Amino acid sequence: DGELSLSRSIINSSDKIIRKGSGSSVFQHGVEGWKINSSLVLEIRKNILRFLDAERDVSVVKSSFKPGDVIHYVLDRRRTLNISQDLHSLLPEVSPMKSRRFKTCAVVGNSGILLDSGCGKEIDSHDFVIRCNLAPVVEFAADVGTKSDFITMNPSVVQRAFGGFRNESDREKFVHRLSMLNDSVLWIPAFMVKGGEKHVEWVNALILKNKLKVRTAYPSLRLIHAVRG
């Protein structure tokens, strides 16, 4: 069903080959000549809204909680999380995606598959760029671009990429990475499971201490339930 809907929504697709530095080739499904089936797009959006309102649920908002509130983790209902003052102060007043629409969007993962692709300029040409898990961009700009509008950050990234903030160097590296995001949305799934709460609190504290301009967002419980199915 999903594949059928996708094939009906786009017509006249084109293909192109990108040559990598190694001489091998990567198949890229281009967008030149595509035509949007607007009525089908609206139908798909309507069906999605039956289960999830992404504009609303992309983040809880400040009015949802007050400091000291206790909530249950989505994947471990026996355990709870206290809403700290730092967390509450970083909750957005309204959804960061409220009334925002874009003609083009790029979703960039962090697996390394774009290495030597030369796709950086094409990625940056999109109106809205989503990136995963604070993947580095500056040293790979030619391949992945640098534009970042919405960046996800699993709490485990703190341990894996920034040494668990064990020393000042790790903390400075993290602050430098976030300082490059400017007004981008940093999306932190804080309410999934017990175990990452200390990392979330450390991140929140560093953002506040260094007065970073990044806009924090924390997915709502409704969104997490919807994604889980």
N, C-alpha and C. Protein backbone atom coordinates (compact mmCIF):
# COMPACT_ATOMS: atom_id res chain seq x y z
N ASP A 1 0.83 -1.20 0.00
CA ASP A 1 0.00 0.00 0.00
C ASP A 1 0.87 1.25 0.00
N GLY A 2 1.88 1.29 0.91
CA GLY A 2 2.75 2.45 1.00
C GLY A 2 3.50 2.69 -0.30
N GLU A 3 4.02 1.58 -0.91
CA GLU A 3 4.75 1.72 -2.15
C GLU A 3 3.84 2.20 -3.27
N LEU A 4 2.60 1.71 -3.28
CA LEU A 4 1.65 2.11 -4.30
C LEU A 4 1.34 3.60 -4.17
N SER A 5 1.12 4.06 -2.94
CA SER A 5 0.81 5.47 -2.72
C SER A 5 1.96 6.35 -3.17
N LEU A 6 3.20 5.93 -2.87
CA LEU A 6 4.34 6.73 -3.25
C LEU A 6 4.47 6.82 -4.76
N SER A 7 4.25 5.70 -5.45
CA SER A 7 4.39 5.71 -6.90
C SER A 7 3.31 6.54 -7.56
N ARG A 8 2.15 6.64 -6.92
CA ARG A 8 1.07 7.45 -7.47
C ARG A 8 1.27 8.93 -7.19
N SER A 9 2.02 9.27 -6.14
CA SER A 9 2.14 10.67 -5.76
C SER A 9 3.20 11.41 -6.56
N ILE A 10 4.12 10.67 -7.21
CA ILE A 10 5.18 11.31 -7.97
C ILE A 10 5.24 10.70 -9.37
N ILE A 11 5.34 11.57 -10.37
CA ILE A 11 5.36 11.12 -11.74
C ILE A 11 6.64 11.60 -12.42
N ASN A 12 7.08 10.89 -13.48
CA ASN A 12 8.21 11.32 -14.29
C ASN A 12 9.50 11.46 -13.50
N SER A 13 9.82 10.46 -12.71
CA SER A 13 11.07 10.52 -11.94
C SER A 13 12.26 10.37 -12.88
N SER A 14 13.42 10.85 -12.44
CA SER A 14 14.63 10.71 -13.24
C SER A 14 15.74 10.16 -12.37
N ASP A 15 16.75 9.59 -13.01
CA ASP A 15 17.85 8.98 -12.28
C ASP A 15 19.16 9.63 -12.69
N LYS A 16 20.12 9.63 -11.79
CA LYS A 16 21.45 10.08 -12.17
C LYS A 16 22.47 9.31 -11.35
N ILE A 17 23.69 9.25 -11.88
CA ILE A 17 24.76 8.52 -11.23
C ILE A 17 25.78 9.50 -10.66
N ILE A 18 26.16 9.29 -9.43
CA ILE A 18 27.22 10.10 -8.81
C ILE A 18 28.47 9.24 -8.77
N ARG A 19 29.58 9.77 -9.29
CA ARG A 19 30.85 9.06 -9.26
C ARG A 19 31.59 9.38 -7.98
N LYS A 20 31.98 8.36 -7.27
CA LYS A 20 32.73 8.56 -6.03
C LYS A 20 34.22 8.59 -6.34
N GLY A 21 34.99 9.07 -5.36
CA GLY A 21 36.42 9.18 -5.56
C GLY A 21 37.07 7.84 -5.84
N SER A 22 36.51 6.76 -5.35
CA SER A 22 37.10 5.44 -5.53
C SER A 22 36.88 4.88 -6.92
N GLY A 23 36.04 5.56 -7.72
CA GLY A 23 35.75 5.06 -9.05
C GLY A 23 34.46 4.28 -9.10
N SER A 24 33.93 3.89 -7.94
CA SER A 24 32.65 3.20 -7.91
C SER A 24 31.55 4.20 -8.11
N SER A 25 30.35 3.75 -8.32
CA SER A 25 29.24 4.68 -8.55
C SER A 25 28.12 4.41 -7.56
N VAL A 26 27.42 5.46 -7.24
CA VAL A 26 26.29 5.37 -6.33
C VAL A 26 25.06 5.80 -7.09
N PHE A 27 24.02 5.00 -7.04
CA PHE A 27 22.77 5.34 -7.71
C PHE A 27 22.00 6.35 -6.89
N GLN A 28 21.63 7.43 -7.53
CA GLN A 28 20.83 8.45 -6.84
C GLN A 28 19.55 8.66 -7.62
N HIS A 29 18.46 8.63 -6.89
CA HIS A 29 17.16 8.86 -7.49
C HIS A 29 16.92 10.36 -7.51
N GLY A 30 17.08 11.01 -8.66
CA GLY A 30 16.96 12.45 -8.76
C GLY A 30 15.52 12.91 -8.71
N VAL A 31 15.34 14.22 -8.67
CA VAL A 31 13.99 14.78 -8.57
C VAL A 31 13.62 15.60 -9.80
N GLU A 32 14.53 15.68 -10.78
CA GLU A 32 14.23 16.47 -11.96
C GLU A 32 13.02 15.91 -12.70
N GLY A 33 12.08 16.78 -13.02
CA GLY A 33 10.92 16.35 -13.81
C GLY A 33 9.80 15.74 -13.01
N TRP A 34 9.95 15.64 -11.70
CA TRP A 34 8.87 15.07 -10.90
C TRP A 34 7.69 16.03 -10.86
N LYS A 35 6.53 15.46 -10.81
CA LYS A 35 5.31 16.25 -10.67
C LYS A 35 4.53 15.73 -9.47
N ILE A 36 4.11 16.64 -8.62
CA ILE A 36 3.42 16.26 -7.39
C ILE A 36 1.93 16.04 -7.65
N ASN A 37 1.42 14.94 -7.15
CA ASN A 37 -0.01 14.67 -7.16
C ASN A 37 -0.58 15.29 -5.88
N SER A 38 -1.00 16.56 -5.98
CA SER A 38 -1.39 17.33 -4.79
C SER A 38 -2.55 16.70 -4.04
N SER A 39 -3.52 16.17 -4.76
CA SER A 39 -4.68 15.58 -4.08
C SER A 39 -4.28 14.36 -3.27
N LEU A 40 -3.34 13.58 -3.80
CA LEU A 40 -2.88 12.41 -3.06
C LEU A 40 -2.04 12.82 -1.84
N VAL A 41 -1.26 13.88 -1.99
CA VAL A 41 -0.49 14.39 -0.85
C VAL A 41 -1.43 14.75 0.29
N LEU A 42 -2.52 15.45 -0.02
CA LEU A 42 -3.49 15.83 1.01
C LEU A 42 -4.14 14.60 1.63
N GLU A 43 -4.40 13.59 0.80
CA GLU A 43 -5.00 12.35 1.30
C GLU A 43 -4.06 11.65 2.28
N ILE A 44 -2.77 11.60 1.93
CA ILE A 44 -1.79 10.96 2.80
C ILE A 44 -1.66 11.72 4.11
N ARG A 45 -1.63 13.06 4.03
CA ARG A 45 -1.54 13.87 5.25
C ARG A 45 -2.75 13.63 6.15
N LYS A 46 -3.91 13.55 5.53
CA LYS A 46 -5.13 13.33 6.31
C LYS A 46 -5.07 11.99 7.03
N ASN A 47 -4.59 10.96 6.34
CA ASN A 47 -4.48 9.64 6.96
C ASN A 47 -3.47 9.65 8.11
N ILE A 48 -2.35 10.35 7.93
CA ILE A 48 -1.34 10.43 8.99
C ILE A 48 -1.91 11.12 10.22
N LEU A 49 -2.71 12.18 9.99
CA LEU A 49 -3.27 12.94 11.11
C LEU A 49 -4.22 12.12 11.96
N ARG A 50 -4.69 10.99 11.44
CA ARG A 50 -5.53 10.11 12.24
C ARG A 50 -4.74 9.54 13.41
N PHE A 51 -3.44 9.44 13.24
CA PHE A 51 -2.59 8.83 14.27
C PHE A 51 -1.63 9.81 14.93
N LEU A 52 -1.26 10.86 14.20
CA LEU A 52 -0.19 11.73 14.69
C LEU A 52 -0.31 13.12 14.09
N ASP A 53 -0.26 14.12 14.95
CA ASP A 53 -0.17 15.51 14.51
C ASP A 53 1.26 15.96 14.79
N ALA A 54 2.12 15.82 13.79
CA ALA A 54 3.55 16.08 13.99
C ALA A 54 3.82 17.53 14.36
N GLU A 55 3.06 18.44 13.79
CA GLU A 55 3.27 19.86 14.10
C GLU A 55 3.06 20.13 15.59
N ARG A 56 2.04 19.50 16.14
CA ARG A 56 1.73 19.69 17.56
C ARG A 56 2.64 18.85 18.46
N ASP A 57 2.87 17.60 18.05
CA ASP A 57 3.50 16.63 18.94
C ASP A 57 5.02 16.55 18.83
N VAL A 58 5.61 17.33 17.92
CA VAL A 58 7.06 17.27 17.78
C VAL A 58 7.75 17.65 19.08
N SER A 59 7.06 18.42 19.93
CA SER A 59 7.63 18.75 21.24
C SER A 59 6.54 19.06 22.24
N VAL A 60 6.78 18.68 23.49
CA VAL A 60 5.93 19.18 24.56
C VAL A 60 6.22 20.67 24.70
N VAL A 61 5.29 21.41 25.26
CA VAL A 61 5.48 22.85 25.44
C VAL A 61 5.46 23.18 26.93
N LYS A 62 5.88 24.38 27.23
CA LYS A 62 6.06 24.78 28.62
C LYS A 62 4.80 24.62 29.47
N SER A 63 3.65 24.87 28.85
CA SER A 63 2.39 24.80 29.60
C SER A 63 1.98 23.36 29.92
N SER A 64 2.68 22.37 29.32
CA SER A 64 2.33 20.96 29.55
C SER A 64 2.70 20.50 30.95
N PHE A 65 3.76 21.07 31.51
CA PHE A 65 4.28 20.64 32.81
C PHE A 65 4.64 21.85 33.65
N LYS A 66 4.93 21.56 34.90
CA LYS A 66 5.56 22.54 35.78
C LYS A 66 6.71 21.85 36.50
N PRO A 67 7.71 22.60 36.96
CA PRO A 67 8.84 21.96 37.66
C PRO A 67 8.35 21.10 38.82
N GLY A 68 8.92 19.90 38.92
CA GLY A 68 8.53 18.98 39.98
C GLY A 68 7.52 17.95 39.56
N ASP A 69 6.87 18.15 38.40
CA ASP A 69 5.93 17.15 37.91
C ASP A 69 6.64 15.82 37.68
N VAL A 70 5.92 14.74 37.88
CA VAL A 70 6.47 13.40 37.69
C VAL A 70 5.75 12.73 36.53
N ILE A 71 6.52 12.20 35.57
CA ILE A 71 5.92 11.49 34.44
C ILE A 71 6.55 10.11 34.32
N HIS A 72 5.83 9.20 33.69
CA HIS A 72 6.33 7.84 33.47
C HIS A 72 7.04 7.76 32.12
N TYR A 73 8.15 7.05 32.09
CA TYR A 73 8.84 6.82 30.82
C TYR A 73 7.95 5.99 29.90
N VAL A 74 8.00 6.31 28.61
CA VAL A 74 7.13 5.64 27.65
C VAL A 74 7.44 4.16 27.53
N LEU A 75 8.72 3.80 27.50
CA LEU A 75 9.10 2.40 27.30
C LEU A 75 9.34 1.65 28.61
N ASP A 76 9.16 2.32 29.72
CA ASP A 76 9.32 1.67 31.03
C ASP A 76 8.39 2.36 32.01
N ARG A 77 7.13 1.95 31.99
CA ARG A 77 6.10 2.65 32.75
C ARG A 77 6.29 2.55 34.26
N ARG A 78 7.13 1.63 34.70
CA ARG A 78 7.35 1.49 36.14
C ARG A 78 8.28 2.57 36.68
N ARG A 79 9.02 3.21 35.79
CA ARG A 79 9.99 4.21 36.23
C ARG A 79 9.51 5.61 35.86
N THR A 80 9.97 6.57 36.63
CA THR A 80 9.47 7.93 36.46
C THR A 80 10.60 8.95 36.31
N LEU A 81 10.21 10.10 35.81
CA LEU A 81 11.13 11.22 35.61
C LEU A 81 10.54 12.46 36.25
N ASN A 82 11.36 13.19 37.00
CA ASN A 82 10.93 14.47 37.56
C ASN A 82 11.29 15.59 36.59
N ILE A 83 10.35 16.46 36.31
CA ILE A 83 10.61 17.61 35.45
C ILE A 83 11.43 18.63 36.25
N SER A 84 12.69 18.78 35.86
CA SER A 84 13.58 19.69 36.59
C SER A 84 13.34 21.14 36.16
N GLN A 85 13.87 22.05 36.94
CA GLN A 85 13.76 23.47 36.60
C GLN A 85 14.47 23.77 35.27
N ASP A 86 15.66 23.17 35.06
CA ASP A 86 16.38 23.39 33.81
C ASP A 86 15.58 22.89 32.61
N LEU A 87 15.05 21.67 32.71
CA LEU A 87 14.27 21.12 31.62
C LEU A 87 13.06 21.99 31.32
N HIS A 88 12.36 22.38 32.36
CA HIS A 88 11.16 23.20 32.16
C HIS A 88 11.50 24.54 31.51
N SER A 89 12.61 25.14 31.91
CA SER A 89 12.98 26.44 31.36
C SER A 89 13.34 26.37 29.88
N LEU A 90 13.72 25.18 29.41
CA LEU A 90 14.09 25.02 28.00
C LEU A 90 12.95 24.52 27.13
N LEU A 91 11.81 24.19 27.72
CA LEU A 91 10.66 23.78 26.91
C LEU A 91 10.18 24.97 26.09
N PRO A 92 9.83 24.75 24.82
CA PRO A 92 9.34 25.86 24.00
C PRO A 92 7.96 26.31 24.44
N GLU A 93 7.66 27.58 24.20
CA GLU A 93 6.33 28.11 24.51
C GLU A 93 5.29 27.52 23.56
N VAL A 94 5.67 27.37 22.29
CA VAL A 94 4.79 26.78 21.27
C VAL A 94 5.63 25.78 20.47
N SER A 95 4.97 24.94 19.72
CA SER A 95 5.68 23.97 18.90
C SER A 95 6.65 24.67 17.95
N PRO A 96 7.90 24.20 17.87
CA PRO A 96 8.87 24.82 16.97
C PRO A 96 8.50 24.65 15.50
N MET A 97 7.55 23.77 15.21
CA MET A 97 7.12 23.55 13.83
C MET A 97 5.75 24.15 13.55
N LYS A 98 5.23 24.92 14.45
CA LYS A 98 3.89 25.50 14.28
C LYS A 98 3.84 26.38 13.04
N SER A 99 2.90 26.06 12.15
CA SER A 99 2.63 26.83 10.93
C SER A 99 3.83 26.92 10.00
N ARG A 100 4.73 25.96 10.08
CA ARG A 100 5.90 25.99 9.20
C ARG A 100 5.74 24.96 8.09
N ARG A 101 5.91 25.41 6.85
CA ARG A 101 5.82 24.56 5.67
C ARG A 101 6.99 24.88 4.76
N PHE A 102 7.50 23.85 4.09
CA PHE A 102 8.66 24.03 3.22
C PHE A 102 8.44 23.29 1.91
N LYS A 103 8.97 23.85 0.83
CA LYS A 103 8.83 23.21 -0.47
C LYS A 103 9.80 22.04 -0.63
N THR A 104 10.99 22.18 -0.07
CA THR A 104 11.98 21.10 -0.19
C THR A 104 12.60 20.80 1.16
N CYS A 105 12.92 19.53 1.37
CA CYS A 105 13.47 19.08 2.65
C CYS A 105 14.48 17.98 2.40
N ALA A 106 15.58 18.02 3.14
CA ALA A 106 16.58 16.95 3.07
C ALA A 106 16.71 16.32 4.46
N VAL A 107 16.72 14.99 4.49
CA VAL A 107 16.92 14.26 5.74
C VAL A 107 18.27 13.55 5.63
N VAL A 108 19.21 13.92 6.48
CA VAL A 108 20.58 13.43 6.39
C VAL A 108 20.90 12.57 7.61
N GLY A 109 21.23 11.31 7.37
CA GLY A 109 21.56 10.41 8.47
C GLY A 109 23.01 10.57 8.91
N ASN A 110 23.48 9.64 9.71
CA ASN A 110 24.86 9.73 10.22
C ASN A 110 25.61 8.42 10.07
N SER A 111 25.28 7.66 9.01
CA SER A 111 25.91 6.35 8.82
C SER A 111 27.24 6.44 8.08
N GLY A 112 27.51 7.58 7.42
CA GLY A 112 28.74 7.71 6.64
C GLY A 112 28.58 7.34 5.19
N ILE A 113 27.36 7.01 4.76
CA ILE A 113 27.15 6.57 3.38
C ILE A 113 27.40 7.68 2.37
N LEU A 114 27.35 8.94 2.80
CA LEU A 114 27.56 10.06 1.88
C LEU A 114 29.03 10.43 1.70
N LEU A 115 29.92 9.75 2.36
CA LEU A 115 31.34 10.05 2.25
C LEU A 115 31.80 9.96 0.80
N ASP A 116 32.47 11.00 0.32
CA ASP A 116 32.97 11.11 -1.06
C ASP A 116 31.85 11.25 -2.09
N SER A 117 30.65 11.60 -1.66
CA SER A 117 29.53 11.74 -2.60
C SER A 117 29.49 13.09 -3.28
N GLY A 118 30.04 14.12 -2.64
CA GLY A 118 29.97 15.47 -3.20
C GLY A 118 28.57 16.07 -3.17
N CYS A 119 27.73 15.59 -2.25
CA CYS A 119 26.32 16.03 -2.20
C CYS A 119 26.10 17.28 -1.34
N GLY A 120 27.16 17.84 -0.77
CA GLY A 120 26.99 18.92 0.19
C GLY A 120 26.19 20.10 -0.31
N LYS A 121 26.52 20.62 -1.49
CA LYS A 121 25.82 21.79 -2.02
C LYS A 121 24.36 21.48 -2.30
N GLU A 122 24.09 20.28 -2.81
CA GLU A 122 22.71 19.90 -3.10
C GLU A 122 21.89 19.82 -1.81
N ILE A 123 22.47 19.24 -0.77
CA ILE A 123 21.77 19.15 0.52
C ILE A 123 21.48 20.55 1.06
N ASP A 124 22.47 21.42 1.03
CA ASP A 124 22.31 22.78 1.57
C ASP A 124 21.33 23.62 0.76
N SER A 125 21.03 23.21 -0.46
CA SER A 125 20.11 23.99 -1.30
C SER A 125 18.65 23.79 -0.88
N HIS A 126 18.37 22.82 -0.02
CA HIS A 126 16.99 22.57 0.41
C HIS A 126 16.54 23.62 1.41
N ASP A 127 15.22 23.83 1.45
CA ASP A 127 14.66 24.84 2.35
C ASP A 127 14.80 24.44 3.82
N PHE A 128 14.77 23.14 4.08
CA PHE A 128 14.80 22.65 5.47
C PHE A 128 15.64 21.39 5.50
N VAL A 129 16.62 21.35 6.41
CA VAL A 129 17.53 20.21 6.49
C VAL A 129 17.46 19.59 7.88
N ILE A 130 17.17 18.30 7.92
CA ILE A 130 17.09 17.54 9.16
C ILE A 130 18.33 16.66 9.26
N ARG A 131 19.00 16.69 10.41
CA ARG A 131 20.19 15.86 10.61
C ARG A 131 20.03 15.01 11.88
N CYS A 132 20.78 13.91 11.92
CA CYS A 132 20.60 12.94 13.00
C CYS A 132 21.79 12.91 13.96
N ASN A 133 21.47 12.89 15.23
CA ASN A 133 22.43 12.60 16.30
C ASN A 133 23.71 13.44 16.29
N LEU A 134 23.54 14.73 16.01
CA LEU A 134 24.67 15.68 16.09
C LEU A 134 25.88 15.22 15.29
N ALA A 135 25.63 14.59 14.15
CA ALA A 135 26.74 14.13 13.32
C ALA A 135 27.61 15.32 12.91
N PRO A 136 28.93 15.15 12.85
CA PRO A 136 29.82 16.25 12.46
C PRO A 136 29.57 16.66 11.01
N VAL A 137 29.70 17.95 10.73
CA VAL A 137 29.43 18.43 9.38
C VAL A 137 30.60 19.22 8.78
N VAL A 138 31.28 20.03 9.57
CA VAL A 138 32.29 20.94 9.02
C VAL A 138 33.36 20.18 8.26
N GLU A 139 33.90 19.11 8.85
CA GLU A 139 34.98 18.37 8.20
C GLU A 139 34.50 17.53 7.02
N PHE A 140 33.18 17.41 6.86
CA PHE A 140 32.63 16.65 5.74
C PHE A 140 31.68 17.51 4.89
N ALA A 141 31.88 18.82 4.92
CA ALA A 141 30.94 19.75 4.29
C ALA A 141 30.73 19.47 2.81
N ALA A 142 31.78 19.08 2.10
CA ALA A 142 31.65 18.83 0.66
C ALA A 142 30.68 17.68 0.38
N ASP A 143 30.55 16.76 1.32
CA ASP A 143 29.70 15.58 1.12
C ASP A 143 28.33 15.70 1.77
N VAL A 144 28.26 16.36 2.93
CA VAL A 144 26.99 16.40 3.67
C VAL A 144 26.43 17.80 3.85
N GLY A 145 27.18 18.84 3.43
CA GLY A 145 26.72 20.20 3.62
C GLY A 145 26.86 20.63 5.07
N THR A 146 26.41 21.85 5.35
CA THR A 146 26.51 22.37 6.72
C THR A 146 25.18 22.90 7.25
N LYS A 147 24.22 23.12 6.37
CA LYS A 147 22.94 23.68 6.82
C LYS A 147 22.24 22.70 7.75
N SER A 148 21.75 23.22 8.87
CA SER A 148 21.05 22.38 9.85
C SER A 148 19.88 23.17 10.42
N ASP A 149 18.68 22.67 10.18
CA ASP A 149 17.49 23.34 10.71
C ASP A 149 16.87 22.57 11.87
N PHE A 150 17.02 21.25 11.83
CA PHE A 150 16.41 20.38 12.85
C PHE A 150 17.38 19.23 13.07
N ILE A 151 17.87 19.09 14.31
CA ILE A 151 18.88 18.08 14.60
C ILE A 151 18.41 17.21 15.76
N THR A 152 18.41 15.91 15.55
CA THR A 152 18.05 15.00 16.63
C THR A 152 19.28 14.71 17.48
N MET A 153 19.06 14.38 18.75
CA MET A 153 20.16 14.01 19.62
C MET A 153 19.70 13.00 20.65
N ASN A 154 19.95 11.73 20.38
CA ASN A 154 19.68 10.71 21.38
C ASN A 154 20.60 10.95 22.57
N PRO A 155 20.10 10.84 23.80
CA PRO A 155 20.96 11.07 24.98
C PRO A 155 22.24 10.24 24.97
N SER A 156 22.22 9.07 24.33
CA SER A 156 23.40 8.21 24.30
C SER A 156 24.56 8.85 23.54
N VAL A 157 24.28 9.86 22.72
CA VAL A 157 25.33 10.55 21.97
C VAL A 157 26.34 11.20 22.92
N VAL A 158 25.86 11.63 24.08
CA VAL A 158 26.75 12.28 25.06
C VAL A 158 27.89 11.34 25.44
N GLN A 159 27.57 10.08 25.66
CA GLN A 159 28.59 9.10 26.03
C GLN A 159 29.41 8.68 24.82
N ARG A 160 28.74 8.44 23.72
CA ARG A 160 29.40 7.87 22.55
C ARG A 160 30.31 8.86 21.83
N ALA A 161 29.88 10.09 21.68
CA ALA A 161 30.64 11.06 20.88
C ALA A 161 31.34 12.13 21.69
N PHE A 162 30.92 12.29 22.95
CA PHE A 162 31.50 13.37 23.75
C PHE A 162 32.03 12.89 25.11
N GLY A 163 32.39 11.60 25.16
CA GLY A 163 33.07 11.06 26.33
C GLY A 163 32.33 11.15 27.64
N GLY A 164 30.99 11.28 27.56
CA GLY A 164 30.22 11.38 28.79
C GLY A 164 30.52 12.63 29.59
N PHE A 165 31.09 13.65 28.91
CA PHE A 165 31.44 14.91 29.58
C PHE A 165 32.38 14.69 30.76
N ARG A 166 33.30 13.72 30.62
CA ARG A 166 34.18 13.38 31.74
C ARG A 166 35.17 14.50 32.07
N ASN A 167 35.52 15.30 31.06
CA ASN A 167 36.47 16.37 31.32
C ASN A 167 36.06 17.64 30.58
N GLU A 168 36.78 18.70 30.85
CA GLU A 168 36.43 20.00 30.27
C GLU A 168 36.54 19.99 28.75
N SER A 169 37.50 19.24 28.23
CA SER A 169 37.68 19.15 26.78
C SER A 169 36.44 18.57 26.10
N ASP A 170 35.87 17.51 26.71
CA ASP A 170 34.64 16.91 26.17
C ASP A 170 33.50 17.91 26.18
N ARG A 171 33.38 18.64 27.27
CA ARG A 171 32.30 19.62 27.39
C ARG A 171 32.47 20.77 26.39
N GLU A 172 33.71 21.21 26.23
CA GLU A 172 33.98 22.29 25.27
C GLU A 172 33.67 21.84 23.84
N LYS A 173 34.01 20.60 23.53
CA LYS A 173 33.72 20.06 22.21
C LYS A 173 32.21 20.06 21.95
N PHE A 174 31.44 19.67 22.95
CA PHE A 174 29.98 19.63 22.81
C PHE A 174 29.42 21.04 22.66
N VAL A 175 29.87 21.96 23.49
CA VAL A 175 29.38 23.34 23.43
C VAL A 175 29.72 23.95 22.07
N HIS A 176 30.92 23.67 21.57
CA HIS A 176 31.30 24.19 20.25
C HIS A 176 30.38 23.65 19.16
N ARG A 177 30.06 22.36 19.25
CA ARG A 177 29.17 21.76 18.24
C ARG A 177 27.81 22.42 18.29
N LEU A 178 27.27 22.63 19.48
CA LEU A 178 25.95 23.26 19.60
C LEU A 178 25.98 24.73 19.20
N SER A 179 27.10 25.40 19.44
CA SER A 179 27.18 26.82 19.08
C SER A 179 27.08 27.03 17.58
N MET A 180 27.39 26.00 16.80
CA MET A 180 27.30 26.09 15.35
C MET A 180 25.87 25.97 14.86
N LEU A 181 24.97 25.53 15.73
CA LEU A 181 23.58 25.31 15.31
C LEU A 181 22.77 26.60 15.29
N ASN A 182 23.25 27.62 15.99
CA ASN A 182 22.55 28.91 16.05
C ASN A 182 21.09 28.73 16.44
N ASP A 183 20.18 29.08 15.54
CA ASP A 183 18.75 29.07 15.87
C ASP A 183 18.07 27.76 15.48
N SER A 184 18.85 26.72 15.24
CA SER A 184 18.29 25.44 14.83
C SER A 184 17.54 24.78 15.99
N VAL A 185 16.70 23.81 15.66
CA VAL A 185 15.98 23.05 16.67
C VAL A 185 16.80 21.82 17.05
N LEU A 186 17.09 21.66 18.33
CA LEU A 186 17.77 20.47 18.85
C LEU A 186 16.72 19.60 19.52
N TRP A 187 16.48 18.43 18.93
CA TRP A 187 15.36 17.56 19.32
C TRP A 187 15.88 16.41 20.17
N ILE A 188 15.54 16.39 21.46
CA ILE A 188 16.08 15.42 22.40
C ILE A 188 14.97 14.53 22.95
N PRO A 189 14.96 13.23 22.62
CA PRO A 189 13.94 12.32 23.16
C PRO A 189 14.22 12.00 24.62
N ALA A 190 13.70 12.84 25.50
CA ALA A 190 14.04 12.74 26.93
C ALA A 190 13.16 11.79 27.71
N PHE A 191 12.03 11.37 27.13
CA PHE A 191 11.04 10.64 27.92
C PHE A 191 10.87 9.18 27.50
N MET A 192 11.89 8.63 26.83
CA MET A 192 11.77 7.27 26.31
C MET A 192 12.01 6.22 27.39
N VAL A 193 13.23 6.18 27.90
CA VAL A 193 13.61 5.14 28.88
C VAL A 193 14.48 5.74 29.97
N LYS A 194 14.47 5.08 31.11
CA LYS A 194 15.35 5.46 32.22
C LYS A 194 16.79 5.18 31.81
N GLY A 195 17.70 6.00 32.24
CA GLY A 195 19.11 5.77 31.94
C GLY A 195 19.76 6.96 31.27
N GLY A 196 18.99 7.68 30.47
CA GLY A 196 19.57 8.83 29.78
C GLY A 196 19.29 10.15 30.45
N GLU A 197 18.59 10.09 31.60
CA GLU A 197 18.15 11.35 32.22
C GLU A 197 19.33 12.23 32.67
N LYS A 198 20.41 11.61 33.15
CA LYS A 198 21.55 12.43 33.59
C LYS A 198 22.20 13.12 32.40
N HIS A 199 22.24 12.43 31.25
CA HIS A 199 22.81 13.06 30.06
C HIS A 199 21.95 14.22 29.60
N VAL A 200 20.64 14.04 29.65
CA VAL A 200 19.73 15.13 29.27
C VAL A 200 19.93 16.33 30.19
N GLU A 201 20.05 16.08 31.48
CA GLU A 201 20.25 17.18 32.43
C GLU A 201 21.59 17.87 32.22
N TRP A 202 22.63 17.11 31.92
CA TRP A 202 23.93 17.72 31.65
C TRP A 202 23.86 18.61 30.41
N VAL A 203 23.19 18.11 29.38
CA VAL A 203 23.02 18.90 28.15
C VAL A 203 22.26 20.18 28.44
N ASN A 204 21.15 20.05 29.16
CA ASN A 204 20.34 21.23 29.49
C ASN A 204 21.16 22.26 30.27
N ALA A 205 21.94 21.77 31.23
CA ALA A 205 22.75 22.67 32.06
C ALA A 205 23.79 23.41 31.23
N LEU A 206 24.43 22.71 30.28
CA LEU A 206 25.44 23.35 29.44
C LEU A 206 24.82 24.38 28.51
N ILE A 207 23.63 24.07 27.99
CA ILE A 207 22.94 25.02 27.11
C ILE A 207 22.63 26.31 27.87
N LEU A 208 22.14 26.16 29.09
CA LEU A 208 21.79 27.34 29.89
C LEU A 208 23.04 28.09 30.35
N LYS A 209 24.04 27.37 30.82
CA LYS A 209 25.26 28.00 31.32
C LYS A 209 25.95 28.82 30.24
N ASN A 210 25.97 28.29 29.01
CA ASN A 210 26.68 28.95 27.92
C ASN A 210 25.77 29.82 27.05
N LYS A 211 24.51 29.91 27.46
CA LYS A 211 23.53 30.76 26.77
C LYS A 211 23.52 30.50 25.27
N LEU A 212 23.49 29.22 24.92
CA LEU A 212 23.48 28.83 23.51
C LEU A 212 22.13 29.17 22.88
N LYS A 213 22.17 29.57 21.61
CA LYS A 213 20.96 30.05 20.94
C LYS A 213 20.10 28.92 20.38
N VAL A 214 20.59 27.70 20.46
CA VAL A 214 19.84 26.57 19.92
C VAL A 214 18.46 26.49 20.57
N ARG A 215 17.46 26.10 19.79
CA ARG A 215 16.09 25.96 20.31
C ARG A 215 15.84 24.49 20.65
N THR A 216 15.65 24.20 21.91
CA THR A 216 15.46 22.82 22.34
C THR A 216 14.01 22.38 22.16
N ALA A 217 13.85 21.09 21.85
CA ALA A 217 12.53 20.48 21.72
C ALA A 217 12.61 19.06 22.26
N TYR A 218 11.52 18.62 22.88
CA TYR A 218 11.48 17.30 23.51
C TYR A 218 10.19 16.62 23.07
N PRO A 219 10.28 15.53 22.29
CA PRO A 219 9.08 14.93 21.70
C PRO A 219 8.02 14.59 22.74
N SER A 220 6.78 14.85 22.38
CA SER A 220 5.67 14.59 23.29
C SER A 220 5.45 13.10 23.47
N LEU A 221 4.78 12.75 24.54
CA LEU A 221 4.48 11.34 24.80
C LEU A 221 3.58 10.79 23.71
N ARG A 222 2.70 11.62 23.15
CA ARG A 222 1.82 11.16 22.06
C ARG A 222 2.64 10.76 20.85
N LEU A 223 3.65 11.57 20.52
CA LEU A 223 4.48 11.27 19.36
C LEU A 223 5.23 9.96 19.55
N ILE A 224 5.81 9.77 20.72
CA ILE A 224 6.56 8.55 20.99
C ILE A 224 5.66 7.32 20.90
N HIS A 225 4.46 7.42 21.45
CA HIS A 225 3.51 6.30 21.37
C HIS A 225 3.13 6.02 19.92
N ALA A 226 2.92 7.09 19.13
CA ALA A 226 2.52 6.91 17.74
C ALA A 226 3.62 6.25 16.92
N VAL A 227 4.87 6.67 17.15
CA VAL A 227 6.00 6.09 16.42
C VAL A 227 6.19 4.63 16.80
N ARG A 228 5.98 4.33 18.07
CA ARG A 228 6.09 2.93 18.53
C ARG A 228 5.03 2.05 17.90
N GLY A 229 3.87 2.65 17.60
CA GLY A 229 2.76 1.86 17.08
C GLY A 229 2.04 1.18 18.20
